[in-house]
Amino acid sequence: MNAFLASLVTFWNDITDRAKGEKGATATEYALLVGLIALVIIFGVTAFGNNLQNFFQGLAAKVGGW
């Protein structure tokens, strides 16, 4: 049991040391974030745009038949 705890503590110390050594995000990480955000925006605008177009077409049909 003590060997397990010792290895767990060693593992935890190694992870925290690595985390302290990193100064910030790299350009690659920023590029991945920008790409992901762009995909979410494109998907959202496409889905919302189609619904909005259908709404206005239905509204135009109701107003036109008045």
Protein backbone atom coordinates (compact mmCIF):
# COMPACT_ATOMS: atom_id res chain seq x y z
CA MET A 1 0.00 0.00 0.00
CA ASN A 2 2.83 2.39 0.84
CA ALA A 3 4.44 1.77 -2.54
CA PHE A 4 1.15 2.68 -4.23
CA LEU A 5 0.83 5.91 -2.26
CA ALA A 6 4.45 6.79 -2.96
CA SER A 7 3.99 6.25 -6.68
CA LEU A 8 0.76 8.27 -6.60
CA VAL A 9 2.52 11.16 -4.86
CA THR A 10 5.38 10.95 -7.35
CA PHE A 11 2.90 10.99 -10.23
CA TRP A 12 1.06 13.99 -8.77
CA ASN A 13 4.31 15.90 -8.25
CA ASP A 14 5.36 15.18 -11.82
CA ILE A 15 2.07 16.52 -13.18
CA THR A 16 2.20 19.68 -11.07
CA ASP A 17 5.83 20.29 -12.09
CA ARG A 18 4.87 20.02 -15.76
CA ALA A 19 1.93 22.36 -15.26
CA LYS A 20 4.16 24.95 -13.61
CA GLY A 21 6.60 24.78 -16.51
CA GLU A 22 4.03 25.78 -19.12
CA LYS A 23 3.83 29.52 -19.56
CA GLY A 24 0.74 29.74 -21.74
CA ALA A 25 -1.09 28.57 -24.79
CA THR A 26 0.83 28.10 -28.00
CA ALA A 27 -0.21 29.31 -31.42
CA THR A 28 -1.35 25.79 -32.28
CA GLU A 29 -3.73 25.71 -29.34
CA TYR A 30 -5.11 29.12 -30.27
CA ALA A 31 -5.56 27.97 -33.87
CA LEU A 32 -7.51 24.92 -32.70
CA LEU A 33 -9.72 27.08 -30.51
CA VAL A 34 -10.38 29.55 -33.33
CA GLY A 35 -11.22 26.69 -35.70
CA LEU A 36 -13.61 25.11 -33.21
CA ILE A 37 -15.32 28.43 -32.51
CA ALA A 38 -15.66 29.06 -36.26
CA LEU A 39 -17.30 25.66 -36.75
CA VAL A 40 -19.78 26.33 -33.95
CA ILE A 41 -20.63 29.74 -35.41
CA ILE A 42 -21.08 28.34 -38.92
CA PHE A 43 -23.30 25.53 -37.64
CA GLY A 44 -25.37 27.92 -35.51
CA VAL A 45 -25.84 30.49 -38.25
CA THR A 46 -26.80 27.81 -40.76
CA ALA A 47 -29.37 26.23 -38.45
CA PHE A 48 -30.78 29.56 -37.29
CA GLY A 49 -30.71 31.02 -40.81
CA ASN A 50 -32.77 28.17 -42.25
CA ASN A 51 -35.34 28.50 -39.45
CA LEU A 52 -35.47 32.25 -39.88
CA GLN A 53 -35.95 31.93 -43.63
CA ASN A 54 -38.81 29.47 -43.11
CA PHE A 55 -40.40 31.80 -40.58
CA PHE A 56 -40.34 34.80 -42.92
CA GLN A 57 -41.58 32.75 -45.87
CA GLY A 58 -44.53 31.58 -43.77
CA LEU A 59 -45.15 35.11 -42.57
CA ALA A 60 -45.02 36.45 -46.13
CA ALA A 61 -47.52 33.80 -47.24
CA LYS A 62 -49.92 34.79 -44.44
CA VAL A 63 -49.57 38.51 -45.09
CA GLY A 64 -49.82 38.04 -48.86
CA GLY A 65 -53.07 36.11 -48.49
CA TRP A 66 -54.65 38.81 -46.38
